[in-house]
Amino acid sequence: MLWFTKAKRLGQLFIDFQRRRAEVRGKPFRIWIETASCCNLRCVMCPNKELAASQKGLMTFDLFRKIIDECRSFASDVYLHHRGEPLLNPALFDMIAYAGRAGLKTRFHTNGALLAEDKARRLLQAGPHLVSFSFDGFTKEIYEKIRVGAVFETTLANIIRLAEMKKKQELQKPYIVIEKIRFKNPPAASDQRQIAETEQRLRAAGIDEIIEKEEYVWAEKNAPEAMAPRAGAVCTFPWYAVVICADGTVTPCPQDFHAHMQLGNVNQATLLEIWNGTAYQNLRRQMAADLQALVLCRKCDRLCRKTIGGIPVQYMTTFLIDHLAGYGRLRRMLGTQERN
């Protein structure tokens, strides 16, 4: 009956969202925990290279354990990434295992450049539910232009090795995903034969899914105003999820890359105290009354996407499949193309 409990909780959160309640009766369902805010690459489309040095660092295991101990009774899953590269954190595998023992689904996103054989072995032992890789271009020329600082052959070998090790050990997890960005202004046309060969190698190794994602503009203060018509009036994030940066700062969503909208810090308060604290309630009220006054939210392209009941279709589809049906065959049958 776990699915029924999840559906009931999601229903309550949806009602609170629809009524624009400032004080949410439900507890956060999904938690982003930034295990690292620093990165080993300087990708052309990523703002990480502009992050202030004071914002770059690694989350300590003690802080991570505090967060998991607090949210284990109400969170459904945790994302162990945000602005940086999780594999830079030596405690990552212990973090995955600790969250798993707490009964939480774990997933993280990585560029894969650091996933050497010993780390791949430890990753499989830790047992995350999902690992997704940023791997653009599928040719050496394009990949290395986009993922500056990475070597095409090394990253490709790292991903293939992980998939083959999983297959050899007959493991059910992690579900392995490759994410490619569909750029608005793509690099020059590449060798289509090499692209096809790379994809064939990945699929033969046992990759579960290859996804193409549209490039989007980060919701930064200097970003251009959204040009597309606004489909949703209010963002769903403050009613169901929280983001916790490596230093413990809580922000409302992953789009706030520079952590401008600070709502508290888990070093100084519990997650639930912050969740319905003054700052969070004020944010929900302002979103409902005057979203245009929130500069980052106004410029975010998430609210320009198709919605059902005010919820972006992209998120609703993947969220329901993840939580009520699980990964795998159903996801592929529905043809899901993006994941938040």
C-alpha atoms as a PDB file:
ATOM      1  CA  MET A   1       0.000   0.000   0.000  1.00  0.00           C
ATOM      2  CA  LEU A   2       3.037   2.260  -0.219  1.00  0.00           C
ATOM      3  CA  TRP A   3       1.809   3.689  -3.517  1.00  0.00           C
ATOM      4  CA  PHE A   4      -1.505   4.618  -1.874  1.00  0.00           C
ATOM      5  CA  THR A   5       0.277   6.463   0.951  1.00  0.00           C
ATOM      6  CA  LYS A   6       2.405   8.352  -1.568  1.00  0.00           C
ATOM      7  CA  ALA A   7      -0.632   9.215  -3.680  1.00  0.00           C
ATOM      8  CA  LYS A   8      -2.467  10.495  -0.602  1.00  0.00           C
ATOM      9  CA  ARG A   9       0.457  12.693   0.420  1.00  0.00           C
ATOM     10  CA  LEU A  10       0.848  14.042  -3.102  1.00  0.00           C
ATOM     11  CA  GLY A  11      -2.870  14.776  -3.182  1.00  0.00           C
ATOM     12  CA  GLN A  12      -2.624  16.803   0.017  1.00  0.00           C
ATOM     13  CA  LEU A  13       0.348  18.779  -1.316  1.00  0.00           C
ATOM     14  CA  PHE A  14      -1.544  19.398  -4.575  1.00  0.00           C
ATOM     15  CA  ILE A  15      -4.561  20.753  -2.664  1.00  0.00           C
ATOM     16  CA  ASP A  16      -2.319  23.071  -0.630  1.00  0.00           C
ATOM     17  CA  PHE A  17      -0.709  24.249  -3.865  1.00  0.00           C
ATOM     18  CA  GLN A  18      -4.071  24.829  -5.558  1.00  0.00           C
ATOM     19  CA  ARG A  19      -5.298  26.801  -2.543  1.00  0.00           C
ATOM     20  CA  ARG A  20      -1.991  28.666  -2.352  1.00  0.00           C
ATOM     21  CA  ARG A  21      -1.661  27.914   1.350  1.00  0.00           C
ATOM     22  CA  ALA A  22       1.269  29.766   2.908  1.00  0.00           C
ATOM     23  CA  GLU A  23       1.519  27.159   5.659  1.00  0.00           C
ATOM     24  CA  VAL A  24       1.685  23.749   4.030  1.00  0.00           C
ATOM     25  CA  ARG A  25       0.057  20.861   5.859  1.00  0.00           C
ATOM     26  CA  GLY A  26       2.182  18.257   4.105  1.00  0.00           C
ATOM     27  CA  LYS A  27       5.931  17.790   4.419  1.00  0.00           C
ATOM     28  CA  PRO A  28       8.462  18.109   1.594  1.00  0.00           C
ATOM     29  CA  PHE A  29       8.382  15.102  -0.691  1.00  0.00           C
ATOM     30  CA  ARG A  30      11.590  15.572  -2.625  1.00  0.00           C
ATOM     31  CA  ILE A  31      14.895  16.916  -1.269  1.00  0.00           C
ATOM     32  CA  TRP A  32      17.859  18.224  -3.244  1.00  0.00           C
ATOM     33  CA  ILE A  33      21.040  17.818  -1.181  1.00  0.00           C
ATOM     34  CA  GLU A  34      24.047  19.467  -2.760  1.00  0.00           C
ATOM     35  CA  THR A  35      26.932  17.146  -1.966  1.00  0.00           C
ATOM     36  CA  ALA A  36      29.357  19.422  -3.868  1.00  0.00           C
ATOM     37  CA  SER A  37      29.070  22.965  -5.202  1.00  0.00           C
ATOM     38  CA  CYS A  38      32.498  22.919  -6.870  1.00  0.00           C
ATOM     39  CA  CYS A  39      33.152  21.307 -10.241  1.00  0.00           C
ATOM     40  CA  ASN A  40      36.052  19.811 -12.185  1.00  0.00           C
ATOM     41  CA  LEU A  41      34.831  21.160 -15.562  1.00  0.00           C
ATOM     42  CA  ARG A  42      33.976  24.554 -17.075  1.00  0.00           C
ATOM     43  CA  CYS A  43      31.062  23.686 -19.328  1.00  0.00           C
ATOM     44  CA  VAL A  44      30.054  26.440 -21.732  1.00  0.00           C
ATOM     45  CA  MET A  45      26.387  26.639 -20.632  1.00  0.00           C
ATOM     46  CA  CYS A  46      26.866  26.209 -16.869  1.00  0.00           C
ATOM     47  CA  PRO A  47      27.034  29.137 -14.400  1.00  0.00           C
ATOM     48  CA  ASN A  48      29.200  27.159 -11.964  1.00  0.00           C
ATOM     49  CA  LYS A  49      32.346  28.820 -13.283  1.00  0.00           C
ATOM     50  CA  GLU A  50      30.884  32.177 -12.195  1.00  0.00           C
ATOM     51  CA  LEU A  51      30.076  31.021  -8.659  1.00  0.00           C
ATOM     52  CA  ALA A  52      31.880  32.975  -5.966  1.00  0.00           C
ATOM     53  CA  ALA A  53      34.726  31.079  -4.310  1.00  0.00           C
ATOM     54  CA  SER A  54      32.898  31.399  -0.991  1.00  0.00           C
ATOM     55  CA  GLN A  55      30.017  29.359  -2.436  1.00  0.00           C
ATOM     56  CA  LYS A  56      32.177  26.485  -3.653  1.00  0.00           C
ATOM     57  CA  GLY A  57      32.716  23.563  -1.331  1.00  0.00           C
ATOM     58  CA  LEU A  58      31.755  20.067  -0.197  1.00  0.00           C
ATOM     59  CA  MET A  59      28.990  19.080   2.203  1.00  0.00           C
ATOM     60  CA  THR A  60      30.286  17.336   5.299  1.00  0.00           C
ATOM     61  CA  PHE A  61      29.036  13.872   6.156  1.00  0.00           C
ATOM     62  CA  ASP A  62      27.884  15.109   9.565  1.00  0.00           C
ATOM     63  CA  LEU A  63      25.611  17.717   7.993  1.00  0.00           C
ATOM     64  CA  PHE A  64      24.341  15.198   5.458  1.00  0.00           C
ATOM     65  CA  ARG A  65      23.539  12.716   8.212  1.00  0.00           C
ATOM     66  CA  LYS A  66      21.624  15.412  10.137  1.00  0.00           C
ATOM     67  CA  ILE A  67      19.507  16.142   7.051  1.00  0.00           C
ATOM     68  CA  ILE A  68      18.779  12.472   6.357  1.00  0.00           C
ATOM     69  CA  ASP A  69      17.910  11.775   9.983  1.00  0.00           C
ATOM     70  CA  GLU A  70      15.395  14.623   9.858  1.00  0.00           C
ATOM     71  CA  CYS A  71      13.793  13.834   6.509  1.00  0.00           C
ATOM     72  CA  ARG A  72      13.821  10.015   6.521  1.00  0.00           C
ATOM     73  CA  SER A  73      10.266   9.869   7.906  1.00  0.00           C
ATOM     74  CA  PHE A  74       8.695  12.072   5.237  1.00  0.00           C
ATOM     75  CA  ALA A  75      10.899  12.447   2.134  1.00  0.00           C
ATOM     76  CA  SER A  76      10.430   9.981  -0.703  1.00  0.00           C
ATOM     77  CA  ASP A  77      13.698  10.543  -2.517  1.00  0.00           C
ATOM     78  CA  VAL A  78      16.815  12.686  -2.463  1.00  0.00           C
ATOM     79  CA  TYR A  79      18.790  14.203  -5.311  1.00  0.00           C
ATOM     80  CA  LEU A  80      22.466  14.278  -4.319  1.00  0.00           C
ATOM     81  CA  HIS A  81      23.483  17.004  -6.744  1.00  0.00           C
ATOM     82  CA  HIS A  82      22.776  20.620  -7.551  1.00  0.00           C
ATOM     83  CA  ARG A  83      25.426  23.053  -8.786  1.00  0.00           C
ATOM     84  CA  GLY A  84      28.627  20.987  -8.691  1.00  0.00           C
ATOM     85  CA  GLU A  85      30.108  17.575  -9.381  1.00  0.00           C
ATOM     86  CA  PRO A  86      29.126  15.008  -6.690  1.00  0.00           C
ATOM     87  CA  LEU A  87      32.096  12.728  -7.434  1.00  0.00           C
ATOM     88  CA  LEU A  88      34.406  15.403  -6.002  1.00  0.00           C
ATOM     89  CA  ASN A  89      33.055  14.590  -2.541  1.00  0.00           C
ATOM     90  CA  PRO A  90      34.992  11.666  -1.004  1.00  0.00           C
ATOM     91  CA  ALA A  91      32.002  10.947   1.253  1.00  0.00           C
ATOM     92  CA  LEU A  92      29.532  10.564  -1.647  1.00  0.00           C
ATOM     93  CA  PHE A  93      29.361   6.763  -1.558  1.00  0.00           C
ATOM     94  CA  ASP A  94      28.876   6.732   2.220  1.00  0.00           C
ATOM     95  CA  MET A  95      26.140   9.343   1.761  1.00  0.00           C
ATOM     96  CA  ILE A  96      24.330   7.209  -0.827  1.00  0.00           C
ATOM     97  CA  ALA A  97      24.521   4.144   1.414  1.00  0.00           C
ATOM     98  CA  TYR A  98      23.356   6.073   4.490  1.00  0.00           C
ATOM     99  CA  ALA A  99      20.337   7.531   2.687  1.00  0.00           C
ATOM    100  CA  GLY A 100      19.520   4.090   1.263  1.00  0.00           C
ATOM    101  CA  ARG A 101      19.557   2.528   4.724  1.00  0.00           C
ATOM    102  CA  ALA A 102      17.151   5.273   5.794  1.00  0.00           C
ATOM    103  CA  GLY A 103      14.694   4.015   3.180  1.00  0.00           C
ATOM    104  CA  LEU A 104      15.145   6.882   0.736  1.00  0.00           C
ATOM    105  CA  LYS A 105      15.519   6.591  -3.023  1.00  0.00           C
ATOM    106  CA  THR A 106      18.791   8.176  -4.080  1.00  0.00           C
ATOM    107  CA  ARG A 107      19.810   9.619  -7.412  1.00  0.00           C
ATOM    108  CA  PHE A 108      22.498  11.941  -8.644  1.00  0.00           C
ATOM    109  CA  HIS A 109      23.701  13.617 -11.809  1.00  0.00           C
ATOM    110  CA  THR A 110      27.344  13.662 -12.839  1.00  0.00           C
ATOM    111  CA  ASN A 111      29.566  14.599 -15.763  1.00  0.00           C
ATOM    112  CA  GLY A 112      31.223  11.183 -15.377  1.00  0.00           C
ATOM    113  CA  ALA A 113      34.765  12.420 -15.991  1.00  0.00           C
ATOM    114  CA  LEU A 114      35.943  11.287 -12.544  1.00  0.00           C
ATOM    115  CA  LEU A 115      34.245   7.867 -12.471  1.00  0.00           C
ATOM    116  CA  ALA A 116      37.375   5.715 -12.494  1.00  0.00           C
ATOM    117  CA  GLU A 117      37.088   1.951 -11.962  1.00  0.00           C
ATOM    118  CA  ASP A 118      37.497   2.076  -8.174  1.00  0.00           C
ATOM    119  CA  LYS A 119      34.784   4.728  -7.884  1.00  0.00           C
ATOM    120  CA  ALA A 120      32.488   2.746 -10.178  1.00  0.00           C
ATOM    121  CA  ARG A 121      32.920  -0.281  -7.923  1.00  0.00           C
ATOM    122  CA  ARG A 122      32.154   1.751  -4.794  1.00  0.00           C
ATOM    123  CA  LEU A 123      29.176   3.354  -6.504  1.00  0.00           C
ATOM    124  CA  LEU A 124      27.612  -0.014  -7.301  1.00  0.00           C
ATOM    125  CA  GLN A 125      28.229  -1.159  -3.733  1.00  0.00           C
ATOM    126  CA  ALA A 126      26.522   1.987  -2.377  1.00  0.00           C
ATOM    127  CA  GLY A 127      23.469   1.228  -4.525  1.00  0.00           C
ATOM    128  CA  PRO A 128      21.897   4.480  -5.772  1.00  0.00           C
ATOM    129  CA  HIS A 129      18.559   4.078  -7.523  1.00  0.00           C
ATOM    130  CA  LEU A 130      19.455   6.285 -10.495  1.00  0.00           C
ATOM    131  CA  VAL A 131      22.579   7.814 -11.989  1.00  0.00           C
ATOM    132  CA  SER A 132      22.386  10.219 -14.912  1.00  0.00           C
ATOM    133  CA  PHE A 133      25.315  11.437 -16.985  1.00  0.00           C
ATOM    134  CA  SER A 134      25.731  14.687 -18.886  1.00  0.00           C
ATOM    135  CA  PHE A 135      27.254  13.533 -22.158  1.00  0.00           C
ATOM    136  CA  ASP A 136      26.686  15.949 -25.020  1.00  0.00           C
ATOM    137  CA  GLY A 137      27.621  15.676 -28.650  1.00  0.00           C
ATOM    138  CA  PHE A 138      28.516  11.970 -28.902  1.00  0.00           C
ATOM    139  CA  THR A 139      31.653  12.964 -30.820  1.00  0.00           C
ATOM    140  CA  LYS A 140      35.040  13.982 -29.441  1.00  0.00           C
ATOM    141  CA  GLU A 141      35.017  17.348 -31.207  1.00  0.00           C
ATOM    142  CA  ILE A 142      31.623  18.524 -29.986  1.00  0.00           C
ATOM    143  CA  TYR A 143      31.810  16.944 -26.531  1.00  0.00           C
ATOM    144  CA  GLU A 144      35.124  18.575 -25.647  1.00  0.00           C
ATOM    145  CA  LYS A 145      33.938  21.967 -26.929  1.00  0.00           C
ATOM    146  CA  ILE A 146      30.952  21.798 -24.577  1.00  0.00           C
ATOM    147  CA  ARG A 147      32.383  19.935 -21.567  1.00  0.00           C
ATOM    148  CA  VAL A 148      35.555  21.983 -21.229  1.00  0.00           C
ATOM    149  CA  GLY A 149      38.235  20.134 -19.290  1.00  0.00           C
ATOM    150  CA  ALA A 150      36.941  16.628 -20.012  1.00  0.00           C
ATOM    151  CA  VAL A 151      38.337  14.023 -22.404  1.00  0.00           C
ATOM    152  CA  PHE A 152      35.774  12.294 -24.606  1.00  0.00           C
ATOM    153  CA  GLU A 153      37.384   8.847 -24.588  1.00  0.00           C
ATOM    154  CA  THR A 154      37.859   8.840 -20.801  1.00  0.00           C
ATOM    155  CA  THR A 155      34.305   9.827 -19.965  1.00  0.00           C
ATOM    156  CA  LEU A 156      32.798   7.428 -22.498  1.00  0.00           C
ATOM    157  CA  ALA A 157      34.920   4.575 -21.115  1.00  0.00           C
ATOM    158  CA  ASN A 158      33.857   5.466 -17.562  1.00  0.00           C
ATOM    159  CA  ILE A 159      30.155   5.310 -18.425  1.00  0.00           C
ATOM    160  CA  ILE A 160      30.458   2.090 -20.419  1.00  0.00           C
ATOM    161  CA  ARG A 161      32.485   0.416 -17.667  1.00  0.00           C
ATOM    162  CA  LEU A 162      29.847   1.252 -15.031  1.00  0.00           C
ATOM    163  CA  ALA A 163      27.057  -0.181 -17.191  1.00  0.00           C
ATOM    164  CA  GLU A 164      29.046  -3.329 -17.979  1.00  0.00           C
ATOM    165  CA  MET A 165      29.953  -3.850 -14.309  1.00  0.00           C
ATOM    166  CA  LYS A 166      26.303  -3.518 -13.343  1.00  0.00           C
ATOM    167  CA  LYS A 167      25.302  -6.018 -16.027  1.00  0.00           C
ATOM    168  CA  LYS A 168      28.053  -8.488 -15.099  1.00  0.00           C
ATOM    169  CA  GLN A 169      27.013  -8.386 -11.444  1.00  0.00           C
ATOM    170  CA  GLU A 170      23.331  -8.771 -12.465  1.00  0.00           C
ATOM    171  CA  LEU A 171      22.326  -5.724 -10.434  1.00  0.00           C
ATOM    172  CA  GLN A 172      18.908  -4.090 -10.751  1.00  0.00           C
ATOM    173  CA  LYS A 173      20.197  -0.632  -9.896  1.00  0.00           C
ATOM    174  CA  PRO A 174      21.210   1.995 -10.584  1.00  0.00           C
ATOM    175  CA  TYR A 175      18.974   2.914 -13.500  1.00  0.00           C
ATOM    176  CA  ILE A 176      21.531   4.533 -15.830  1.00  0.00           C
ATOM    177  CA  VAL A 177      20.588   7.513 -17.967  1.00  0.00           C
ATOM    178  CA  ILE A 178      22.493   9.555 -20.539  1.00  0.00           C
ATOM    179  CA  GLU A 179      21.336  13.165 -20.914  1.00  0.00           C
ATOM    180  CA  LYS A 180      22.110  15.140 -24.066  1.00  0.00           C
ATOM    181  CA  ILE A 181      21.282  18.830 -24.368  1.00  0.00           C
ATOM    182  CA  ARG A 182      19.502  19.947 -27.509  1.00  0.00           C
ATOM    183  CA  PHE A 183      21.200  23.335 -27.907  1.00  0.00           C
ATOM    184  CA  LYS A 184      19.338  26.317 -29.351  1.00  0.00           C
ATOM    185  CA  ASN A 185      22.490  27.243 -31.269  1.00  0.00           C
ATOM    186  CA  PRO A 186      24.158  23.870 -31.750  1.00  0.00           C
ATOM    187  CA  PRO A 187      27.846  23.508 -32.595  1.00  0.00           C
ATOM    188  CA  ALA A 188      28.736  22.766 -36.208  1.00  0.00           C
ATOM    189  CA  ALA A 189      27.451  19.501 -37.653  1.00  0.00           C
ATOM    190  CA  SER A 190      29.477  16.478 -36.625  1.00  0.00           C
ATOM    191  CA  ASP A 191      30.319  13.074 -37.975  1.00  0.00           C
ATOM    192  CA  GLN A 192      26.947  11.291 -37.986  1.00  0.00           C
ATOM    193  CA  ARG A 193      28.668   7.926 -38.247  1.00  0.00           C
ATOM    194  CA  GLN A 194      30.576   8.532 -35.018  1.00  0.00           C
ATOM    195  CA  ILE A 195      27.401   9.742 -33.277  1.00  0.00           C
ATOM    196  CA  ALA A 196      25.622   6.521 -34.264  1.00  0.00           C
ATOM    197  CA  GLU A 197      28.592   4.400 -33.180  1.00  0.00           C
ATOM    198  CA  THR A 198      28.761   6.108 -29.776  1.00  0.00           C
ATOM    199  CA  GLU A 199      25.071   5.588 -29.181  1.00  0.00           C
ATOM    200  CA  GLN A 200      25.339   1.945 -30.239  1.00  0.00           C
ATOM    201  CA  ARG A 201      28.248   1.378 -27.815  1.00  0.00           C
ATOM    202  CA  LEU A 202      26.306   2.922 -24.943  1.00  0.00           C
ATOM    203  CA  ARG A 203      23.192   0.862 -25.602  1.00  0.00           C
ATOM    204  CA  ALA A 204      25.195  -2.341 -26.026  1.00  0.00           C
ATOM    205  CA  ALA A 205      26.901  -1.717 -22.671  1.00  0.00           C
ATOM    206  CA  GLY A 206      23.527  -1.667 -20.945  1.00  0.00           C
ATOM    207  CA  ILE A 207      22.549   2.003 -20.635  1.00  0.00           C
ATOM    208  CA  ASP A 208      18.873   2.084 -19.651  1.00  0.00           C
ATOM    209  CA  GLU A 209      17.865   5.326 -21.346  1.00  0.00           C
ATOM    210  CA  ILE A 210      19.180   8.159 -23.511  1.00  0.00           C
ATOM    211  CA  ILE A 211      17.332  11.459 -23.109  1.00  0.00           C
ATOM    212  CA  GLU A 212      17.519  14.673 -25.111  1.00  0.00           C
ATOM    213  CA  LYS A 213      16.761  17.795 -23.101  1.00  0.00           C
ATOM    214  CA  GLU A 214      16.060  21.267 -24.378  1.00  0.00           C
ATOM    215  CA  GLU A 215      18.612  23.893 -23.419  1.00  0.00           C
ATOM    216  CA  TYR A 216      17.173  26.489 -21.092  1.00  0.00           C
ATOM    217  CA  VAL A 217      18.209  29.811 -19.635  1.00  0.00           C
ATOM    218  CA  TRP A 218      19.116  29.783 -15.961  1.00  0.00           C
ATOM    219  CA  ALA A 219      16.896  32.033 -13.848  1.00  0.00           C
ATOM    220  CA  GLU A 220      19.568  34.572 -12.981  1.00  0.00           C
ATOM    221  CA  LYS A 221      19.099  38.266 -12.244  1.00  0.00           C
ATOM    222  CA  ASN A 222      20.777  39.262 -15.505  1.00  0.00           C
ATOM    223  CA  ALA A 223      18.889  36.684 -17.598  1.00  0.00           C
ATOM    224  CA  PRO A 224      16.562  37.961 -20.330  1.00  0.00           C
ATOM    225  CA  GLU A 225      12.847  38.165 -19.657  1.00  0.00           C
ATOM    226  CA  ALA A 226      10.941  35.032 -20.660  1.00  0.00           C
ATOM    227  CA  MET A 227       9.617  35.450 -24.188  1.00  0.00           C
ATOM    228  CA  ALA A 228       7.180  32.525 -24.266  1.00  0.00           C
ATOM    229  CA  PRO A 229       3.643  32.967 -22.879  1.00  0.00           C
ATOM    230  CA  ARG A 230       3.410  32.047 -19.188  1.00  0.00           C
ATOM    231  CA  ALA A 231       1.551  28.735 -18.877  1.00  0.00           C
ATOM    232  CA  GLY A 232       1.661  28.443 -15.089  1.00  0.00           C
ATOM    233  CA  ALA A 233       0.867  31.288 -12.716  1.00  0.00           C
ATOM    234  CA  VAL A 234       2.732  29.843  -9.735  1.00  0.00           C
ATOM    235  CA  CYS A 235       5.667  27.463  -9.352  1.00  0.00           C
ATOM    236  CA  THR A 236       5.011  24.126  -7.642  1.00  0.00           C
ATOM    237  CA  PHE A 237       8.437  23.798  -5.998  1.00  0.00           C
ATOM    238  CA  PRO A 238       7.756  25.693  -2.735  1.00  0.00           C
ATOM    239  CA  TRP A 239       4.844  23.358  -2.048  1.00  0.00           C
ATOM    240  CA  TYR A 240       6.587  19.990  -2.417  1.00  0.00           C
ATOM    241  CA  ALA A 241      10.404  20.212  -2.462  1.00  0.00           C
ATOM    242  CA  VAL A 242      13.428  21.923  -0.942  1.00  0.00           C
ATOM    243  CA  VAL A 243      17.005  22.489  -2.045  1.00  0.00           C
ATOM    244  CA  ILE A 244      19.839  22.373   0.494  1.00  0.00           C
ATOM    245  CA  CYS A 245      23.192  23.785  -0.583  1.00  0.00           C
ATOM    246  CA  ALA A 246      26.519  22.331   0.504  1.00  0.00           C
ATOM    247  CA  ASP A 247      26.852  24.841   3.354  1.00  0.00           C
ATOM    248  CA  GLY A 248      23.327  24.118   4.643  1.00  0.00           C
ATOM    249  CA  THR A 249      21.575  27.084   3.013  1.00  0.00           C
ATOM    250  CA  VAL A 250      17.994  26.272   1.992  1.00  0.00           C
ATOM    251  CA  THR A 251      16.625  27.694  -1.264  1.00  0.00           C
ATOM    252  CA  PRO A 252      13.266  27.045  -2.969  1.00  0.00           C
ATOM    253  CA  CYS A 253      14.397  25.372  -6.198  1.00  0.00           C
ATOM    254  CA  PRO A 254      17.402  24.277  -8.307  1.00  0.00           C
ATOM    255  CA  GLN A 255      16.939  27.247 -10.657  1.00  0.00           C
ATOM    256  CA  ASP A 256      18.229  29.628  -7.975  1.00  0.00           C
ATOM    257  CA  PHE A 257      21.792  28.781  -8.945  1.00  0.00           C
ATOM    258  CA  HIS A 258      23.487  31.531  -6.924  1.00  0.00           C
ATOM    259  CA  ALA A 259      21.322  30.967  -3.815  1.00  0.00           C
ATOM    260  CA  HIS A 260      19.828  34.464  -3.828  1.00  0.00           C
ATOM    261  CA  MET A 261      16.504  33.332  -2.304  1.00  0.00           C
ATOM    262  CA  GLN A 262      17.725  32.066   1.052  1.00  0.00           C
ATOM    263  CA  LEU A 263      15.021  30.642   3.316  1.00  0.00           C
ATOM    264  CA  GLY A 264      17.085  29.354   6.223  1.00  0.00           C
ATOM    265  CA  ASN A 265      20.011  27.112   7.064  1.00  0.00           C
ATOM    266  CA  VAL A 266      19.812  23.541   8.357  1.00  0.00           C
ATOM    267  CA  ASN A 267      22.875  24.163  10.529  1.00  0.00           C
ATOM    268  CA  GLN A 268      20.748  26.522  12.618  1.00  0.00           C
ATOM    269  CA  ALA A 269      17.238  25.036  12.407  1.00  0.00           C
ATOM    270  CA  THR A 270      15.489  21.795  11.516  1.00  0.00           C
ATOM    271  CA  LEU A 271      14.270  21.246   7.998  1.00  0.00           C
ATOM    272  CA  LEU A 272      10.628  21.286   9.094  1.00  0.00           C
ATOM    273  CA  GLU A 273      11.104  24.519  11.057  1.00  0.00           C
ATOM    274  CA  ILE A 274      12.396  26.109   7.856  1.00  0.00           C
ATOM    275  CA  TRP A 275       9.710  24.474   5.664  1.00  0.00           C
ATOM    276  CA  ASN A 276       6.880  26.351   7.369  1.00  0.00           C
ATOM    277  CA  GLY A 277       8.981  29.180   8.744  1.00  0.00           C
ATOM    278  CA  THR A 278       8.368  32.861   8.101  1.00  0.00           C
ATOM    279  CA  ALA A 279      10.607  33.093   5.013  1.00  0.00           C
ATOM    280  CA  TYR A 280       8.960  30.127   3.265  1.00  0.00           C
ATOM    281  CA  GLN A 281       5.451  31.315   4.071  1.00  0.00           C
ATOM    282  CA  ASN A 282       6.252  34.820   2.817  1.00  0.00           C
ATOM    283  CA  LEU A 283       7.617  33.349  -0.430  1.00  0.00           C
ATOM    284  CA  ARG A 284       4.441  31.314  -1.006  1.00  0.00           C
ATOM    285  CA  ARG A 285       2.263  34.364  -0.322  1.00  0.00           C
ATOM    286  CA  GLN A 286       4.285  36.523  -2.691  1.00  0.00           C
ATOM    287  CA  MET A 287       4.188  33.874  -5.417  1.00  0.00           C
ATOM    288  CA  ALA A 288       0.412  33.744  -5.156  1.00  0.00           C
ATOM    289  CA  ALA A 289      -0.068  37.529  -4.988  1.00  0.00           C
ATOM    290  CA  ASP A 290       2.658  39.062  -7.168  1.00  0.00           C
ATOM    291  CA  LEU A 291       4.995  36.647  -8.907  1.00  0.00           C
ATOM    292  CA  GLN A 292       6.267  39.467 -11.157  1.00  0.00           C
ATOM    293  CA  ALA A 293       7.992  41.006  -8.139  1.00  0.00           C
ATOM    294  CA  LEU A 294      10.163  37.887  -7.748  1.00  0.00           C
ATOM    295  CA  VAL A 295      12.837  38.574 -10.353  1.00  0.00           C
ATOM    296  CA  LEU A 296      14.275  35.054 -10.555  1.00  0.00           C
ATOM    297  CA  CYS A 297      10.830  33.437 -10.731  1.00  0.00           C
ATOM    298  CA  ARG A 298       9.638  35.882 -13.364  1.00  0.00           C
ATOM    299  CA  LYS A 299      12.589  35.005 -15.589  1.00  0.00           C
ATOM    300  CA  CYS A 300      12.358  31.243 -15.082  1.00  0.00           C
ATOM    301  CA  ASP A 301      11.356  29.285 -18.191  1.00  0.00           C
ATOM    302  CA  ARG A 302       9.752  26.521 -16.114  1.00  0.00           C
ATOM    303  CA  LEU A 303       6.556  28.558 -15.874  1.00  0.00           C
ATOM    304  CA  CYS A 304       6.408  28.891 -19.660  1.00  0.00           C
ATOM    305  CA  ARG A 305       5.892  25.162 -20.184  1.00  0.00           C
ATOM    306  CA  LYS A 306       2.646  23.296 -20.751  1.00  0.00           C
ATOM    307  CA  THR A 307       0.730  22.603 -17.563  1.00  0.00           C
ATOM    308  CA  ILE A 308      -2.130  20.533 -16.181  1.00  0.00           C
ATOM    309  CA  GLY A 309      -3.759  22.045 -13.119  1.00  0.00           C
ATOM    310  CA  GLY A 310      -0.913  24.545 -12.912  1.00  0.00           C
ATOM    311  CA  ILE A 311       1.736  21.805 -12.818  1.00  0.00           C
ATOM    312  CA  PRO A 312       4.203  21.493 -15.735  1.00  0.00           C
ATOM    313  CA  VAL A 313       3.391  18.370 -17.768  1.00  0.00           C
ATOM    314  CA  GLN A 314       7.092  17.449 -17.840  1.00  0.00           C
ATOM    315  CA  TYR A 315       7.277  17.278 -14.058  1.00  0.00           C
ATOM    316  CA  MET A 316       3.898  15.657 -13.515  1.00  0.00           C
ATOM    317  CA  THR A 317       4.624  12.777 -15.899  1.00  0.00           C
ATOM    318  CA  THR A 318       8.083  11.960 -14.591  1.00  0.00           C
ATOM    319  CA  PHE A 319       7.078  12.488 -10.962  1.00  0.00           C
ATOM    320  CA  LEU A 320       4.111  10.126 -11.112  1.00  0.00           C
ATOM    321  CA  ILE A 321       6.075   7.470 -12.990  1.00  0.00           C
ATOM    322  CA  ASP A 322       8.978   7.719 -10.537  1.00  0.00           C
ATOM    323  CA  HIS A 323       6.846   7.476  -7.433  1.00  0.00           C
ATOM    324  CA  LEU A 324       3.779   5.470  -8.359  1.00  0.00           C
ATOM    325  CA  ALA A 325       5.183   3.129 -11.010  1.00  0.00           C
ATOM    326  CA  GLY A 326       8.963   3.079 -10.765  1.00  0.00           C
ATOM    327  CA  TYR A 327      11.610   3.262 -13.493  1.00  0.00           C
ATOM    328  CA  GLY A 328      11.950   1.095 -16.545  1.00  0.00           C
ATOM    329  CA  ARG A 329       9.500  -0.269 -19.073  1.00  0.00           C
ATOM    330  CA  LEU A 330       6.573   2.048 -18.225  1.00  0.00           C
ATOM    331  CA  ARG A 331       8.789   5.132 -18.569  1.00  0.00           C
ATOM    332  CA  ARG A 332       9.934   4.011 -22.000  1.00  0.00           C
ATOM    333  CA  MET A 333       6.383   3.120 -23.069  1.00  0.00           C
ATOM    334  CA  LEU A 334       5.244   6.639 -22.228  1.00  0.00           C
ATOM    335  CA  GLY A 335       8.165   8.108 -24.106  1.00  0.00           C
ATOM    336  CA  THR A 336       9.274  10.424 -21.313  1.00  0.00           C
ATOM    337  CA  GLN A 337      11.988  12.708 -22.652  1.00  0.00           C
ATOM    338  CA  GLU A 338      13.011  14.897 -19.722  1.00  0.00           C
ATOM    339  CA  ARG A 339      13.634  14.649 -16.018  1.00  0.00           C
ATOM    340  CA  ASN A 340      13.683  17.533 -13.553  1.00  0.00           C
END
